N, C-alpha and C. Protein backbone atom coordinates (compact mmCIF):
# COMPACT_ATOMS: atom_id res chain seq x y z
N MET A 1 13.14 2.05 0.97
CA MET A 1 11.86 2.40 0.37
C MET A 1 10.82 2.47 1.48
N LYS A 2 10.10 3.57 1.52
CA LYS A 2 9.12 3.80 2.59
C LYS A 2 7.72 3.48 2.07
N ILE A 3 7.07 2.51 2.70
CA ILE A 3 5.80 1.96 2.23
C ILE A 3 4.74 2.10 3.31
N LEU A 4 3.55 2.53 2.90
CA LEU A 4 2.41 2.64 3.82
C LEU A 4 1.36 1.60 3.45
N LEU A 5 0.95 0.81 4.43
CA LEU A 5 -0.13 -0.16 4.25
C LEU A 5 -1.43 0.48 4.71
N ASP A 6 -2.44 0.42 3.87
CA ASP A 6 -3.75 0.99 4.17
C ASP A 6 -4.34 0.32 5.41
N GLU A 7 -5.31 0.97 6.02
CA GLU A 7 -5.90 0.43 7.25
C GLU A 7 -6.68 -0.85 7.01
N ASN A 8 -7.00 -1.17 5.74
CA ASN A 8 -7.71 -2.41 5.45
C ASN A 8 -6.77 -3.61 5.34
N ILE A 9 -5.49 -3.41 5.60
CA ILE A 9 -4.50 -4.49 5.57
C ILE A 9 -4.08 -4.76 7.01
N PRO A 10 -4.13 -6.02 7.44
CA PRO A 10 -3.74 -6.35 8.83
C PRO A 10 -2.32 -5.88 9.14
N THR A 11 -2.12 -5.37 10.34
CA THR A 11 -0.81 -4.84 10.72
C THR A 11 0.29 -5.90 10.68
N LYS A 12 -0.07 -7.17 10.86
CA LYS A 12 0.93 -8.25 10.83
C LYS A 12 1.65 -8.33 9.49
N VAL A 13 1.01 -7.87 8.43
CA VAL A 13 1.60 -7.96 7.09
C VAL A 13 2.91 -7.18 7.02
N ARG A 14 3.04 -6.12 7.80
CA ARG A 14 4.26 -5.31 7.73
C ARG A 14 5.51 -6.10 8.08
N PHE A 15 5.37 -7.15 8.87
CA PHE A 15 6.52 -7.95 9.28
C PHE A 15 6.89 -9.02 8.25
N ASP A 16 6.07 -9.19 7.23
CA ASP A 16 6.31 -10.21 6.21
C ASP A 16 7.29 -9.76 5.13
N PHE A 17 7.59 -8.47 5.07
CA PHE A 17 8.43 -7.94 4.00
C PHE A 17 9.91 -8.24 4.18
N GLY A 18 10.34 -8.41 5.39
CA GLY A 18 11.76 -8.65 5.62
C GLY A 18 12.54 -7.34 5.63
N GLU A 19 13.85 -7.45 5.56
CA GLU A 19 14.72 -6.27 5.66
C GLU A 19 14.77 -5.52 4.33
N GLY A 20 15.15 -4.26 4.43
CA GLY A 20 15.32 -3.46 3.24
C GLY A 20 14.14 -2.56 2.92
N TYR A 21 13.08 -2.67 3.69
CA TYR A 21 11.89 -1.85 3.46
C TYR A 21 11.46 -1.21 4.77
N GLU A 22 11.04 0.04 4.68
CA GLU A 22 10.44 0.71 5.83
C GLU A 22 8.94 0.58 5.67
N ILE A 23 8.33 -0.30 6.42
CA ILE A 23 6.91 -0.57 6.30
C ILE A 23 6.17 0.01 7.50
N PHE A 24 5.18 0.82 7.20
CA PHE A 24 4.35 1.42 8.23
C PHE A 24 2.89 1.11 7.90
N THR A 25 2.06 1.15 8.91
CA THR A 25 0.63 0.97 8.71
C THR A 25 -0.08 2.28 9.05
N VAL A 26 -1.26 2.44 8.52
CA VAL A 26 -2.08 3.60 8.87
C VAL A 26 -2.28 3.63 10.38
N ARG A 27 -2.44 2.45 10.97
CA ARG A 27 -2.65 2.36 12.42
C ARG A 27 -1.44 2.88 13.18
N ASN A 28 -0.24 2.41 12.85
CA ASN A 28 0.90 2.85 13.66
C ASN A 28 1.34 4.28 13.34
N MET A 29 0.79 4.88 12.29
CA MET A 29 1.01 6.31 12.02
C MET A 29 -0.06 7.16 12.71
N ASN A 30 -1.01 6.50 13.38
CA ASN A 30 -2.13 7.18 14.05
C ASN A 30 -3.02 7.94 13.07
N TRP A 31 -3.22 7.36 11.89
CA TRP A 31 -4.05 7.97 10.86
C TRP A 31 -5.34 7.21 10.62
N LEU A 32 -5.74 6.36 11.54
CA LEU A 32 -6.98 5.60 11.38
C LEU A 32 -8.17 6.55 11.22
N GLY A 33 -9.06 6.22 10.31
CA GLY A 33 -10.27 7.00 10.12
C GLY A 33 -10.13 8.20 9.21
N LYS A 34 -8.92 8.46 8.73
CA LYS A 34 -8.73 9.58 7.81
C LYS A 34 -9.37 9.24 6.47
N LYS A 35 -9.99 10.22 5.84
CA LYS A 35 -10.55 10.02 4.50
C LYS A 35 -9.41 9.83 3.52
N ASN A 36 -9.67 9.12 2.41
CA ASN A 36 -8.60 8.77 1.47
C ASN A 36 -7.79 9.97 0.99
N GLY A 37 -8.43 11.07 0.63
CA GLY A 37 -7.70 12.23 0.15
C GLY A 37 -6.73 12.77 1.18
N GLU A 38 -7.21 12.91 2.41
CA GLU A 38 -6.36 13.41 3.49
C GLU A 38 -5.24 12.41 3.80
N LEU A 39 -5.59 11.13 3.82
CA LEU A 39 -4.62 10.08 4.11
C LEU A 39 -3.50 10.07 3.07
N LEU A 40 -3.86 10.13 1.81
CA LEU A 40 -2.85 10.11 0.75
C LEU A 40 -1.98 11.36 0.79
N GLY A 41 -2.58 12.49 1.11
CA GLY A 41 -1.81 13.72 1.26
C GLY A 41 -0.81 13.62 2.40
N LEU A 42 -1.24 13.06 3.53
CA LEU A 42 -0.33 12.85 4.67
C LEU A 42 0.80 11.90 4.30
N ALA A 43 0.46 10.84 3.58
CA ALA A 43 1.47 9.86 3.18
C ALA A 43 2.53 10.52 2.29
N ALA A 44 2.10 11.27 1.30
CA ALA A 44 3.04 11.94 0.41
C ALA A 44 3.88 12.96 1.17
N PHE A 45 3.26 13.75 2.02
CA PHE A 45 3.95 14.78 2.79
C PHE A 45 5.00 14.17 3.72
N ASN A 46 4.73 12.97 4.22
CA ASN A 46 5.64 12.30 5.15
C ASN A 46 6.65 11.39 4.47
N GLY A 47 6.80 11.53 3.17
CA GLY A 47 7.87 10.84 2.46
C GLY A 47 7.62 9.40 2.06
N PHE A 48 6.37 8.96 2.12
CA PHE A 48 6.08 7.61 1.65
C PHE A 48 6.18 7.57 0.13
N GLU A 49 6.66 6.46 -0.38
CA GLU A 49 6.80 6.29 -1.81
C GLU A 49 5.72 5.37 -2.39
N ILE A 50 5.29 4.41 -1.59
CA ILE A 50 4.34 3.38 -2.04
C ILE A 50 3.18 3.30 -1.07
N PHE A 51 1.97 3.16 -1.62
CA PHE A 51 0.77 2.95 -0.82
C PHE A 51 0.15 1.64 -1.28
N ILE A 52 -0.02 0.69 -0.36
CA ILE A 52 -0.59 -0.62 -0.69
C ILE A 52 -1.96 -0.73 -0.05
N THR A 53 -2.94 -1.18 -0.84
CA THR A 53 -4.31 -1.26 -0.36
C THR A 53 -5.02 -2.46 -1.00
N VAL A 54 -6.18 -2.79 -0.43
CA VAL A 54 -7.09 -3.74 -1.07
C VAL A 54 -8.39 -3.04 -1.46
N ASP A 55 -8.40 -1.71 -1.37
CA ASP A 55 -9.57 -0.89 -1.69
C ASP A 55 -9.71 -0.76 -3.21
N LYS A 56 -10.58 -1.57 -3.78
CA LYS A 56 -10.77 -1.60 -5.24
C LYS A 56 -11.35 -0.30 -5.80
N ASN A 57 -11.95 0.52 -4.96
CA ASN A 57 -12.56 1.77 -5.43
C ASN A 57 -11.63 2.97 -5.37
N LEU A 58 -10.44 2.80 -4.83
CA LEU A 58 -9.54 3.93 -4.62
C LEU A 58 -9.29 4.72 -5.90
N LYS A 59 -8.98 4.03 -6.99
CA LYS A 59 -8.63 4.76 -8.22
C LYS A 59 -9.84 5.47 -8.82
N ASN A 60 -11.05 5.07 -8.47
CA ASN A 60 -12.25 5.74 -8.96
C ASN A 60 -12.66 6.90 -8.05
N GLN A 61 -12.22 6.86 -6.80
CA GLN A 61 -12.61 7.88 -5.83
C GLN A 61 -11.61 9.02 -5.72
N GLN A 62 -10.39 8.80 -6.16
CA GLN A 62 -9.33 9.80 -6.00
C GLN A 62 -8.61 10.03 -7.33
N ASN A 63 -8.12 11.24 -7.52
CA ASN A 63 -7.24 11.54 -8.64
C ASN A 63 -5.83 11.19 -8.17
N LEU A 64 -5.38 9.98 -8.46
CA LEU A 64 -4.11 9.49 -7.93
C LEU A 64 -2.92 10.25 -8.49
N GLU A 65 -3.10 10.88 -9.65
CA GLU A 65 -2.00 11.63 -10.27
C GLU A 65 -1.54 12.81 -9.42
N LYS A 66 -2.41 13.32 -8.58
CA LYS A 66 -2.03 14.50 -7.80
C LYS A 66 -1.20 14.18 -6.56
N PHE A 67 -1.00 12.89 -6.30
CA PHE A 67 -0.22 12.48 -5.14
C PHE A 67 1.14 11.94 -5.57
N ALA A 68 2.17 12.32 -4.87
CA ALA A 68 3.53 11.85 -5.17
C ALA A 68 3.74 10.48 -4.53
N LEU A 69 2.91 9.55 -4.94
CA LEU A 69 2.95 8.18 -4.45
C LEU A 69 2.75 7.24 -5.62
N LYS A 70 3.16 5.99 -5.42
CA LYS A 70 2.82 4.93 -6.34
C LYS A 70 1.90 3.99 -5.58
N PHE A 71 0.95 3.43 -6.29
CA PHE A 71 -0.12 2.67 -5.65
C PHE A 71 -0.09 1.21 -6.09
N ILE A 72 -0.26 0.32 -5.12
CA ILE A 72 -0.38 -1.11 -5.39
C ILE A 72 -1.71 -1.57 -4.83
N LEU A 73 -2.54 -2.08 -5.72
CA LEU A 73 -3.85 -2.63 -5.33
C LEU A 73 -3.75 -4.14 -5.35
N LEU A 74 -4.04 -4.75 -4.23
CA LEU A 74 -4.05 -6.21 -4.13
C LEU A 74 -5.47 -6.70 -4.40
N LEU A 75 -5.64 -7.42 -5.46
CA LEU A 75 -6.96 -7.94 -5.84
C LEU A 75 -7.17 -9.27 -5.11
N ALA A 76 -7.47 -9.15 -3.84
CA ALA A 76 -7.61 -10.31 -2.96
C ALA A 76 -9.07 -10.62 -2.70
N LYS A 77 -9.35 -11.89 -2.40
CA LYS A 77 -10.72 -12.29 -2.10
C LYS A 77 -11.16 -11.78 -0.73
N ASP A 78 -10.19 -11.54 0.16
CA ASP A 78 -10.46 -10.96 1.47
C ASP A 78 -9.18 -10.30 1.96
N ASN A 79 -9.22 -9.71 3.13
CA ASN A 79 -8.03 -9.03 3.63
C ASN A 79 -7.41 -9.74 4.82
N LYS A 80 -7.57 -11.05 4.88
CA LYS A 80 -6.96 -11.83 5.95
C LYS A 80 -5.45 -11.92 5.73
N HIS A 81 -4.74 -11.96 6.84
CA HIS A 81 -3.28 -12.03 6.79
C HIS A 81 -2.80 -13.19 5.92
N GLU A 82 -3.39 -14.34 6.09
CA GLU A 82 -2.99 -15.53 5.33
C GLU A 82 -3.20 -15.34 3.82
N THR A 83 -4.27 -14.68 3.46
CA THR A 83 -4.56 -14.42 2.05
C THR A 83 -3.54 -13.44 1.48
N LEU A 84 -3.25 -12.38 2.20
CA LEU A 84 -2.35 -11.35 1.69
C LEU A 84 -0.90 -11.81 1.64
N GLN A 85 -0.54 -12.79 2.44
CA GLN A 85 0.82 -13.35 2.38
C GLN A 85 1.09 -13.95 0.99
N LEU A 86 0.05 -14.44 0.34
CA LEU A 86 0.20 -15.03 -1.00
C LEU A 86 0.65 -14.00 -2.04
N PHE A 87 0.45 -12.73 -1.75
CA PHE A 87 0.80 -11.65 -2.67
C PHE A 87 2.24 -11.17 -2.50
N LEU A 88 2.88 -11.57 -1.42
CA LEU A 88 4.16 -10.98 -1.05
C LEU A 88 5.25 -11.13 -2.10
N ASP A 89 5.40 -12.31 -2.67
CA ASP A 89 6.44 -12.50 -3.69
C ASP A 89 6.26 -11.54 -4.87
N LYS A 90 5.02 -11.38 -5.32
CA LYS A 90 4.76 -10.48 -6.44
C LYS A 90 4.99 -9.02 -6.05
N ILE A 91 4.63 -8.66 -4.83
CA ILE A 91 4.87 -7.28 -4.37
C ILE A 91 6.36 -6.99 -4.34
N ILE A 92 7.13 -7.89 -3.76
CA ILE A 92 8.57 -7.68 -3.63
C ILE A 92 9.24 -7.65 -5.00
N THR A 93 8.81 -8.51 -5.90
CA THR A 93 9.34 -8.47 -7.27
C THR A 93 9.07 -7.11 -7.90
N LEU A 94 7.86 -6.59 -7.73
CA LEU A 94 7.52 -5.27 -8.26
C LEU A 94 8.39 -4.19 -7.62
N LEU A 95 8.58 -4.25 -6.31
CA LEU A 95 9.35 -3.23 -5.61
C LEU A 95 10.82 -3.22 -6.04
N LYS A 96 11.30 -4.33 -6.55
CA LYS A 96 12.69 -4.41 -7.00
C LYS A 96 12.89 -3.89 -8.42
N THR A 97 11.80 -3.60 -9.13
CA THR A 97 11.93 -3.08 -10.49
C THR A 97 12.35 -1.62 -10.44
N GLU A 98 13.02 -1.18 -11.51
CA GLU A 98 13.51 0.20 -11.56
C GLU A 98 12.39 1.22 -11.67
N ASN A 99 11.46 0.98 -12.55
CA ASN A 99 10.39 1.95 -12.79
C ASN A 99 9.04 1.35 -12.41
N ILE A 100 8.70 1.51 -11.16
CA ILE A 100 7.40 1.02 -10.68
C ILE A 100 6.32 1.92 -11.28
N PRO A 101 5.30 1.31 -11.89
CA PRO A 101 4.21 2.13 -12.45
C PRO A 101 3.48 2.92 -11.37
N LYS A 102 2.80 3.96 -11.77
CA LYS A 102 2.02 4.80 -10.86
C LYS A 102 0.95 3.97 -10.14
N PHE A 103 0.31 3.05 -10.88
CA PHE A 103 -0.76 2.23 -10.31
C PHE A 103 -0.61 0.80 -10.82
N THR A 104 -0.54 -0.14 -9.90
CA THR A 104 -0.38 -1.55 -10.27
C THR A 104 -1.43 -2.38 -9.54
N GLU A 105 -2.07 -3.27 -10.28
CA GLU A 105 -2.98 -4.25 -9.67
C GLU A 105 -2.28 -5.58 -9.65
N ILE A 106 -2.31 -6.24 -8.50
CA ILE A 106 -1.67 -7.55 -8.35
C ILE A 106 -2.75 -8.56 -7.94
N PHE A 107 -2.69 -9.71 -8.58
CA PHE A 107 -3.59 -10.81 -8.21
C PHE A 107 -2.77 -12.09 -8.15
N VAL A 108 -3.30 -13.07 -7.44
CA VAL A 108 -2.63 -14.38 -7.35
C VAL A 108 -3.58 -15.45 -7.82
């Protein structure tokens, strides 16, 4: 499963997933500073299946239905690595389900 972490998520988080996932960051794809529409288009075009973000406004700013991606919004108090690690078990449980919803909000 190919997953893209938004630029608002620390790059260290990609190493927390363990084996079985292809985790990339906006930074290591050299897509920093891209506007959301362009970024999501690039992600879909490059075969990403999941986009993970902490951007609470994403679903209001973009028509997510037009992108061949599934979205996971982490409802975190901040975007520190330590905070986002608390979400990992729930993210992995979701990723193991057969039919991941188009848009999922996760909180801890």
